[in-house]
Amino acid sequence: MSGNQQIILQSLSMDLLRAGLGRHRGSHKLADRFIEEAKKRLGEIETAGHTQLITDISAVLSANSDRQAEDLLMYSTLIRNRASAL
């Protein structure tokens, strides 16, 4: 995987983190902005080896549930770990 993909994954991780923290703190407008950024980043990822993860994250980004903040934070950590393993 290229260095460009590592940067995209790191950026996605930060977008998910900011969205999750915003949702948790009740800043829904801020969270919505970073959710839109995360959706754009998902489209930039090379799908090889990430198909299920992309599907799961897309579902969380589209959901408007009580668990969304925790799920966004969890996926932020998973993506950050995956990016640092490259």
PDB file of N, CA and C in Angstrom:
ATOM      1  N   MET A   1       0.848  -1.173   0.000  1.00  0.00           N
ATOM      2  CA  MET A   1       0.000   0.000   0.000  1.00  0.00           C
ATOM      3  C   MET A   1       0.893   1.235   0.000  1.00  0.00           C
ATOM      4  N   SER A   2       0.486   2.223  -0.742  1.00  0.00           N
ATOM      5  CA  SER A   2       1.310   3.409  -0.914  1.00  0.00           C
ATOM      6  C   SER A   2       1.249   4.322   0.306  1.00  0.00           C
ATOM      7  N   GLY A   3       2.219   5.222   0.369  1.00  0.00           N
ATOM      8  CA  GLY A   3       2.248   6.211   1.434  1.00  0.00           C
ATOM      9  C   GLY A   3       1.037   7.121   1.382  1.00  0.00           C
ATOM     10  N   ASN A   4       0.524   7.331   0.159  1.00  0.00           N
ATOM     11  CA  ASN A   4      -0.680   8.143   0.000  1.00  0.00           C
ATOM     12  C   ASN A   4      -1.864   7.495   0.724  1.00  0.00           C
ATOM     13  N   GLN A   5      -1.985   6.185   0.645  1.00  0.00           N
ATOM     14  CA  GLN A   5      -3.067   5.484   1.334  1.00  0.00           C
ATOM     15  C   GLN A   5      -2.917   5.603   2.846  1.00  0.00           C
ATOM     16  N   GLN A   6      -1.684   5.608   3.330  1.00  0.00           N
ATOM     17  CA  GLN A   6      -1.452   5.770   4.757  1.00  0.00           C
ATOM     18  C   GLN A   6      -1.946   7.147   5.223  1.00  0.00           C
ATOM     19  N   ILE A   7      -1.677   8.167   4.432  1.00  0.00           N
ATOM     20  CA  ILE A   7      -2.134   9.514   4.764  1.00  0.00           C
ATOM     21  C   ILE A   7      -3.657   9.579   4.748  1.00  0.00           C
ATOM     22  N   ILE A   8      -4.272   8.942   3.761  1.00  0.00           N
ATOM     23  CA  ILE A   8      -5.737   8.921   3.683  1.00  0.00           C
ATOM     24  C   ILE A   8      -6.323   8.229   4.913  1.00  0.00           C
ATOM     25  N   LEU A   9      -5.745   7.093   5.310  1.00  0.00           N
ATOM     26  CA  LEU A   9      -6.237   6.379   6.492  1.00  0.00           C
ATOM     27  C   LEU A   9      -6.059   7.222   7.756  1.00  0.00           C
ATOM     28  N   GLN A  10      -4.924   7.897   7.884  1.00  0.00           N
ATOM     29  CA  GLN A  10      -4.698   8.751   9.055  1.00  0.00           C
ATOM     30  C   GLN A  10      -5.691   9.907   9.084  1.00  0.00           C
ATOM     31  N   SER A  11      -5.968  10.480   7.927  1.00  0.00           N
ATOM     32  CA  SER A  11      -6.933  11.579   7.843  1.00  0.00           C
ATOM     33  C   SER A  11      -8.340  11.091   8.178  1.00  0.00           C
ATOM     34  N   LEU A  12      -8.689   9.908   7.685  1.00  0.00           N
ATOM     35  CA  LEU A  12      -9.987   9.317   8.009  1.00  0.00           C
ATOM     36  C   LEU A  12     -10.100   9.087   9.511  1.00  0.00           C
ATOM     37  N   SER A  13      -9.043   8.595  10.112  1.00  0.00           N
ATOM     38  CA  SER A  13      -9.045   8.366  11.554  1.00  0.00           C
ATOM     39  C   SER A  13      -9.315   9.658  12.318  1.00  0.00           C
ATOM     40  N   MET A  14      -8.674  10.747  11.901  1.00  0.00           N
ATOM     41  CA  MET A  14      -8.882  12.034  12.570  1.00  0.00           C
ATOM     42  C   MET A  14     -10.311  12.550  12.353  1.00  0.00           C
ATOM     43  N   ASP A  15     -10.840  12.375  11.142  1.00  0.00           N
ATOM     44  CA  ASP A  15     -12.220  12.796  10.876  1.00  0.00           C
ATOM     45  C   ASP A  15     -13.199  12.024  11.751  1.00  0.00           C
ATOM     46  N   LEU A  16     -12.982  10.718  11.872  1.00  0.00           N
ATOM     47  CA  LEU A  16     -13.851   9.892  12.719  1.00  0.00           C
ATOM     48  C   LEU A  16     -13.733  10.293  14.184  1.00  0.00           C
ATOM     49  N   LEU A  17     -12.518  10.585  14.619  1.00  0.00           N
ATOM     50  CA  LEU A  17     -12.295  11.010  16.003  1.00  0.00           C
ATOM     51  C   LEU A  17     -13.033  12.314  16.284  1.00  0.00           C
ATOM     52  N   ARG A  18     -12.872  13.283  15.400  1.00  0.00           N
ATOM     53  CA  ARG A  18     -13.533  14.577  15.599  1.00  0.00           C
ATOM     54  C   ARG A  18     -15.053  14.439  15.560  1.00  0.00           C
ATOM     55  N   ALA A  19     -15.552  13.619  14.651  1.00  0.00           N
ATOM     56  CA  ALA A  19     -17.004  13.401  14.566  1.00  0.00           C
ATOM     57  C   ALA A  19     -17.517  12.726  15.839  1.00  0.00           C
ATOM     58  N   GLY A  20     -16.791  11.726  16.312  1.00  0.00           N
ATOM     59  CA  GLY A  20     -17.202  11.018  17.525  1.00  0.00           C
ATOM     60  C   GLY A  20     -17.192  11.914  18.750  1.00  0.00           C
ATOM     61  N   LEU A  21     -16.145  12.723  18.881  1.00  0.00           N
ATOM     62  CA  LEU A  21     -16.070  13.638  20.022  1.00  0.00           C
ATOM     63  C   LEU A  21     -17.152  14.715  19.928  1.00  0.00           C
ATOM     64  N   GLY A  22     -17.384  15.196  18.715  1.00  0.00           N
ATOM     65  CA  GLY A  22     -18.440  16.195  18.528  1.00  0.00           C
ATOM     66  C   GLY A  22     -19.804  15.643  18.898  1.00  0.00           C
ATOM     67  N   ARG A  23     -20.098  14.429  18.446  1.00  0.00           N
ATOM     68  CA  ARG A  23     -21.380  13.781  18.755  1.00  0.00           C
ATOM     69  C   ARG A  23     -21.499  13.580  20.268  1.00  0.00           C
ATOM     70  N   HIS A  24     -20.429  13.123  20.892  1.00  0.00           N
ATOM     71  CA  HIS A  24     -20.435  12.852  22.331  1.00  0.00           C
ATOM     72  C   HIS A  24     -20.692  14.130  23.138  1.00  0.00           C
ATOM     73  N   ARG A  25     -20.133  15.235  22.667  1.00  0.00           N
ATOM     74  CA  ARG A  25     -20.271  16.508  23.383  1.00  0.00           C
ATOM     75  C   ARG A  25     -21.545  17.263  23.026  1.00  0.00           C
ATOM     76  N   GLY A  26     -22.320  16.718  22.093  1.00  0.00           N
ATOM     77  CA  GLY A  26     -23.567  17.364  21.715  1.00  0.00           C
ATOM     78  C   GLY A  26     -23.413  18.423  20.635  1.00  0.00           C
ATOM     79  N   SER A  27     -22.238  18.502  20.017  1.00  0.00           N
ATOM     80  CA  SER A  27     -21.991  19.453  18.928  1.00  0.00           C
ATOM     81  C   SER A  27     -22.334  18.778  17.608  1.00  0.00           C
ATOM     82  N   HIS A  28     -23.616  18.655  17.337  1.00  0.00           N
ATOM     83  CA  HIS A  28     -24.077  17.882  16.185  1.00  0.00           C
ATOM     84  C   HIS A  28     -23.694  18.517  14.853  1.00  0.00           C
ATOM     85  N   LYS A  29     -23.676  19.833  14.779  1.00  0.00           N
ATOM     86  CA  LYS A  29     -23.286  20.501  13.535  1.00  0.00           C
ATOM     87  C   LYS A  29     -21.824  20.196  13.214  1.00  0.00           C
ATOM     88  N   LEU A  30     -20.955  20.256  14.217  1.00  0.00           N
ATOM     89  CA  LEU A  30     -19.542  19.925  14.042  1.00  0.00           C
ATOM     90  C   LEU A  30     -19.392  18.466  13.641  1.00  0.00           C
ATOM     91  N   ALA A  31     -20.102  17.589  14.322  1.00  0.00           N
ATOM     92  CA  ALA A  31     -20.022  16.159  14.020  1.00  0.00           C
ATOM     93  C   ALA A  31     -20.480  15.883  12.596  1.00  0.00           C
ATOM     94  N   ASP A  32     -21.560  16.520  12.182  1.00  0.00           N
ATOM     95  CA  ASP A  32     -22.062  16.315  10.820  1.00  0.00           C
ATOM     96  C   ASP A  32     -21.037  16.742   9.778  1.00  0.00           C
ATOM     97  N   ARG A  33     -20.322  17.820  10.049  1.00  0.00           N
ATOM     98  CA  ARG A  33     -19.292  18.298   9.111  1.00  0.00           C
ATOM     99  C   ARG A  33     -18.191  17.253   8.953  1.00  0.00           C
ATOM    100  N   PHE A  34     -17.709  16.691  10.056  1.00  0.00           N
ATOM    101  CA  PHE A  34     -16.637  15.704   9.982  1.00  0.00           C
ATOM    102  C   PHE A  34     -17.135  14.356   9.461  1.00  0.00           C
ATOM    103  N   ILE A  35     -18.398  14.062   9.639  1.00  0.00           N
ATOM    104  CA  ILE A  35     -18.973  12.851   9.045  1.00  0.00           C
ATOM    105  C   ILE A  35     -18.956  12.977   7.526  1.00  0.00           C
ATOM    106  N   GLU A  36     -19.284  14.160   7.013  1.00  0.00           N
ATOM    107  CA  GLU A  36     -19.223  14.380   5.561  1.00  0.00           C
ATOM    108  C   GLU A  36     -17.792  14.241   5.046  1.00  0.00           C
ATOM    109  N   GLU A  37     -16.829  14.764   5.790  1.00  0.00           N
ATOM    110  CA  GLU A  37     -15.417  14.627   5.397  1.00  0.00           C
ATOM    111  C   GLU A  37     -15.003  13.152   5.404  1.00  0.00           C
ATOM    112  N   ALA A  38     -15.444  12.413   6.401  1.00  0.00           N
ATOM    113  CA  ALA A  38     -15.103  10.988   6.495  1.00  0.00           C
ATOM    114  C   ALA A  38     -15.690  10.218   5.321  1.00  0.00           C
ATOM    115  N   LYS A  39     -16.902  10.569   4.907  1.00  0.00           N
ATOM    116  CA  LYS A  39     -17.518   9.900   3.754  1.00  0.00           C
ATOM    117  C   LYS A  39     -16.696  10.132   2.491  1.00  0.00           C
ATOM    118  N   LYS A  40     -16.174  11.340   2.324  1.00  0.00           N
ATOM    119  CA  LYS A  40     -15.321  11.633   1.174  1.00  0.00           C
ATOM    120  C   LYS A  40     -14.039  10.798   1.225  1.00  0.00           C
ATOM    121  N   ARG A  41     -13.457  10.694   2.400  1.00  0.00           N
ATOM    122  CA  ARG A  41     -12.210   9.925   2.564  1.00  0.00           C
ATOM    123  C   ARG A  41     -12.428   8.440   2.265  1.00  0.00           C
ATOM    124  N   LEU A  42     -13.591   7.915   2.641  1.00  0.00           N
ATOM    125  CA  LEU A  42     -13.877   6.508   2.361  1.00  0.00           C
ATOM    126  C   LEU A  42     -13.804   6.223   0.865  1.00  0.00           C
ATOM    127  N   GLY A  43     -14.212   7.181   0.064  1.00  0.00           N
ATOM    128  CA  GLY A  43     -14.166   7.021  -1.381  1.00  0.00           C
ATOM    129  C   GLY A  43     -12.761   7.035  -1.945  1.00  0.00           C
ATOM    130  N   GLU A  44     -11.797   7.541  -1.184  1.00  0.00           N
ATOM    131  CA  GLU A  44     -10.410   7.627  -1.632  1.00  0.00           C
ATOM    132  C   GLU A  44      -9.596   6.378  -1.296  1.00  0.00           C
ATOM    133  N   ILE A  45     -10.121   5.538  -0.417  1.00  0.00           N
ATOM    134  CA  ILE A  45      -9.362   4.366   0.049  1.00  0.00           C
ATOM    135  C   ILE A  45      -9.369   3.276  -1.019  1.00  0.00           C
ATOM    136  N   GLU A  46      -8.198   2.686  -1.243  1.00  0.00           N
ATOM    137  CA  GLU A  46      -8.125   1.507  -2.101  1.00  0.00           C
ATOM    138  C   GLU A  46      -8.790   0.373  -1.333  1.00  0.00           C
ATOM    139  N   THR A  47      -9.759  -0.270  -1.957  1.00  0.00           N
ATOM    140  CA  THR A  47     -10.601  -1.221  -1.229  1.00  0.00           C
ATOM    141  C   THR A  47      -9.922  -2.552  -0.912  1.00  0.00           C
ATOM    142  N   ALA A  48      -8.825  -2.875  -1.548  1.00  0.00           N
ATOM    143  CA  ALA A  48      -8.159  -4.155  -1.308  1.00  0.00           C
ATOM    144  C   ALA A  48      -7.824  -4.313   0.177  1.00  0.00           C
ATOM    145  N   GLY A  49      -8.411  -5.312   0.798  1.00  0.00           N
ATOM    146  CA  GLY A  49      -8.140  -5.594   2.201  1.00  0.00           C
ATOM    147  C   GLY A  49      -8.952  -4.761   3.178  1.00  0.00           C
ATOM    148  N   HIS A  50      -9.747  -3.844   2.679  1.00  0.00           N
ATOM    149  CA  HIS A  50     -10.507  -2.960   3.561  1.00  0.00           C
ATOM    150  C   HIS A  50     -12.006  -3.017   3.309  1.00  0.00           C
ATOM    151  N   THR A  51     -12.468  -3.911   2.468  1.00  0.00           N
ATOM    152  CA  THR A  51     -13.863  -3.907   2.030  1.00  0.00           C
ATOM    153  C   THR A  51     -14.849  -3.972   3.198  1.00  0.00           C
ATOM    154  N   GLN A  52     -14.686  -4.914   4.107  1.00  0.00           N
ATOM    155  CA  GLN A  52     -15.623  -5.059   5.228  1.00  0.00           C
ATOM    156  C   GLN A  52     -15.558  -3.849   6.154  1.00  0.00           C
ATOM    157  N   LEU A  53     -14.359  -3.356   6.399  1.00  0.00           N
ATOM    158  CA  LEU A  53     -14.193  -2.191   7.270  1.00  0.00           C
ATOM    159  C   LEU A  53     -14.871  -0.961   6.675  1.00  0.00           C
ATOM    160  N   ILE A  54     -14.724  -0.762   5.378  1.00  0.00           N
ATOM    161  CA  ILE A  54     -15.361   0.363   4.698  1.00  0.00           C
ATOM    162  C   ILE A  54     -16.884   0.248   4.794  1.00  0.00           C
ATOM    163  N   THR A  55     -17.398  -0.958   4.604  1.00  0.00           N
ATOM    164  CA  THR A  55     -18.842  -1.192   4.707  1.00  0.00           C
ATOM    165  C   THR A  55     -19.344  -0.872   6.112  1.00  0.00           C
ATOM    166  N   ASP A  56     -18.608  -1.338   7.114  1.00  0.00           N
ATOM    167  CA  ASP A  56     -19.013  -1.104   8.505  1.00  0.00           C
ATOM    168  C   ASP A  56     -18.981   0.383   8.858  1.00  0.00           C
ATOM    169  N   ILE A  57     -17.927   1.073   8.431  1.00  0.00           N
ATOM    170  CA  ILE A  57     -17.815   2.501   8.729  1.00  0.00           C
ATOM    171  C   ILE A  57     -18.921   3.278   8.012  1.00  0.00           C
ATOM    172  N   SER A  58     -19.210   2.914   6.778  1.00  0.00           N
ATOM    173  CA  SER A  58     -20.285   3.585   6.033  1.00  0.00           C
ATOM    174  C   SER A  58     -21.620   3.459   6.765  1.00  0.00           C
ATOM    175  N   ALA A  59     -21.868   2.281   7.314  1.00  0.00           N
ATOM    176  CA  ALA A  59     -23.113   2.061   8.059  1.00  0.00           C
ATOM    177  C   ALA A  59     -23.168   2.945   9.302  1.00  0.00           C
ATOM    178  N   VAL A  60     -22.058   3.071  10.003  1.00  0.00           N
ATOM    179  CA  VAL A  60     -22.015   3.903  11.214  1.00  0.00           C
ATOM    180  C   VAL A  60     -22.192   5.375  10.855  1.00  0.00           C
ATOM    181  N   LEU A  61     -21.567   5.808   9.756  1.00  0.00           N
ATOM    182  CA  LEU A  61     -21.683   7.206   9.347  1.00  0.00           C
ATOM    183  C   LEU A  61     -23.116   7.558   8.965  1.00  0.00           C
ATOM    184  N   SER A  62     -23.848   6.590   8.430  1.00  0.00           N
ATOM    185  CA  SER A  62     -25.232   6.835   8.006  1.00  0.00           C
ATOM    186  C   SER A  62     -26.223   6.691   9.155  1.00  0.00           C
ATOM    187  N   ALA A  63     -25.841   5.984  10.191  1.00  0.00           N
ATOM    188  CA  ALA A  63     -26.737   5.750  11.328  1.00  0.00           C
ATOM    189  C   ALA A  63     -26.843   7.005  12.184  1.00  0.00           C
ATOM    190  N   ASN A  64     -27.976   7.163  12.792  1.00  0.00           N
ATOM    191  CA  ASN A  64     -28.155   8.255  13.741  1.00  0.00           C
ATOM    192  C   ASN A  64     -28.669   7.642  15.031  1.00  0.00           C
ATOM    193  N   SER A  65     -27.777   6.946  15.708  1.00  0.00           N
ATOM    194  CA  SER A  65     -28.175   6.202  16.897  1.00  0.00           C
ATOM    195  C   SER A  65     -27.453   6.747  18.126  1.00  0.00           C
ATOM    196  N   ASP A  66     -27.844   6.238  19.275  1.00  0.00           N
ATOM    197  CA  ASP A  66     -27.207   6.633  20.524  1.00  0.00           C
ATOM    198  C   ASP A  66     -25.768   6.142  20.598  1.00  0.00           C
ATOM    199  N   ARG A  67     -25.475   5.073  19.875  1.00  0.00           N
ATOM    200  CA  ARG A  67     -24.138   4.477  19.907  1.00  0.00           C
ATOM    201  C   ARG A  67     -23.183   5.083  18.892  1.00  0.00           C
ATOM    202  N   GLN A  68     -23.640   5.988  18.077  1.00  0.00           N
ATOM    203  CA  GLN A  68     -22.806   6.482  16.977  1.00  0.00           C
ATOM    204  C   GLN A  68     -21.494   7.075  17.484  1.00  0.00           C
ATOM    205  N   ALA A  69     -21.528   7.840  18.549  1.00  0.00           N
ATOM    206  CA  ALA A  69     -20.300   8.456  19.067  1.00  0.00           C
ATOM    207  C   ALA A  69     -19.276   7.387  19.442  1.00  0.00           C
ATOM    208  N   GLU A  70     -19.703   6.359  20.168  1.00  0.00           N
ATOM    209  CA  GLU A  70     -18.769   5.303  20.574  1.00  0.00           C
ATOM    210  C   GLU A  70     -18.243   4.531  19.375  1.00  0.00           C
ATOM    211  N   ASP A  71     -19.131   4.253  18.414  1.00  0.00           N
ATOM    212  CA  ASP A  71     -18.703   3.521  17.218  1.00  0.00           C
ATOM    213  C   ASP A  71     -17.710   4.330  16.407  1.00  0.00           C
ATOM    214  N   LEU A  72     -17.940   5.634  16.267  1.00  0.00           N
ATOM    215  CA  LEU A  72     -17.005   6.483  15.528  1.00  0.00           C
ATOM    216  C   LEU A  72     -15.632   6.496  16.196  1.00  0.00           C
ATOM    217  N   LEU A  73     -15.616   6.576  17.513  1.00  0.00           N
ATOM    218  CA  LEU A  73     -14.344   6.565  18.236  1.00  0.00           C
ATOM    219  C   LEU A  73     -13.636   5.221  18.096  1.00  0.00           C
ATOM    220  N   MET A  74     -14.393   4.138  18.133  1.00  0.00           N
ATOM    221  CA  MET A  74     -13.806   2.811  17.977  1.00  0.00           C
ATOM    222  C   MET A  74     -13.176   2.652  16.592  1.00  0.00           C
ATOM    223  N   TYR A  75     -13.914   3.039  15.552  1.00  0.00           N
ATOM    224  CA  TYR A  75     -13.378   2.908  14.198  1.00  0.00           C
ATOM    225  C   TYR A  75     -12.215   3.857  13.960  1.00  0.00           C
ATOM    226  N   SER A  76     -12.214   4.988  14.632  1.00  0.00           N
ATOM    227  CA  SER A  76     -11.068   5.898  14.543  1.00  0.00           C
ATOM    228  C   SER A  76      -9.800   5.199  15.026  1.00  0.00           C
ATOM    229  N   THR A  77      -9.905   4.506  16.141  1.00  0.00           N
ATOM    230  CA  THR A  77      -8.765   3.778  16.690  1.00  0.00           C
ATOM    231  C   THR A  77      -8.346   2.630  15.777  1.00  0.00           C
ATOM    232  N   LEU A  78      -9.310   1.885  15.258  1.00  0.00           N
ATOM    233  CA  LEU A  78      -8.998   0.774  14.355  1.00  0.00           C
ATOM    234  C   LEU A  78      -8.270   1.260  13.099  1.00  0.00           C
ATOM    235  N   ILE A  79      -8.759   2.349  12.520  1.00  0.00           N
ATOM    236  CA  ILE A  79      -8.134   2.890  11.312  1.00  0.00           C
ATOM    237  C   ILE A  79      -6.733   3.429  11.633  1.00  0.00           C
ATOM    238  N   ARG A  80      -6.596   4.110  12.757  1.00  0.00           N
ATOM    239  CA  ARG A  80      -5.273   4.636  13.155  1.00  0.00           C
ATOM    240  C   ARG A  80      -4.274   3.504  13.324  1.00  0.00           C
ATOM    241  N   ASN A  81      -4.697   2.413  13.947  1.00  0.00           N
ATOM    242  CA  ASN A  81      -3.809   1.265  14.118  1.00  0.00           C
ATOM    243  C   ASN A  81      -3.442   0.632  12.783  1.00  0.00           C
ATOM    244  N   ARG A  82      -4.405   0.544  11.877  1.00  0.00           N
ATOM    245  CA  ARG A  82      -4.150  -0.020  10.556  1.00  0.00           C
ATOM    246  C   ARG A  82      -3.168   0.858   9.769  1.00  0.00           C
ATOM    247  N   ALA A  83      -3.331   2.169   9.887  1.00  0.00           N
ATOM    248  CA  ALA A  83      -2.440   3.100   9.171  1.00  0.00           C
ATOM    249  C   ALA A  83      -1.018   3.025   9.717  1.00  0.00           C
ATOM    250  N   SER A  84      -0.882   2.881  11.036  1.00  0.00           N
ATOM    251  CA  SER A  84       0.462   2.838  11.622  1.00  0.00           C
ATOM    252  C   SER A  84       1.153   1.503  11.351  1.00  0.00           C
ATOM    253  N   ALA A  85       0.385   0.471  11.000  1.00  0.00           N
ATOM    254  CA  ALA A  85       0.969  -0.834  10.698  1.00  0.00           C
ATOM    255  C   ALA A  85       1.538  -0.892   9.282  1.00  0.00           C
ATOM    256  N   LEU A  86       1.241   0.126   8.463  1.00  0.00           N
ATOM    257  CA  LEU A  86       1.728   0.133   7.075  1.00  0.00           C
ATOM    258  C   LEU A  86       3.180   0.522   6.995  1.00  0.00           C
TER     259      LEU A  86
END
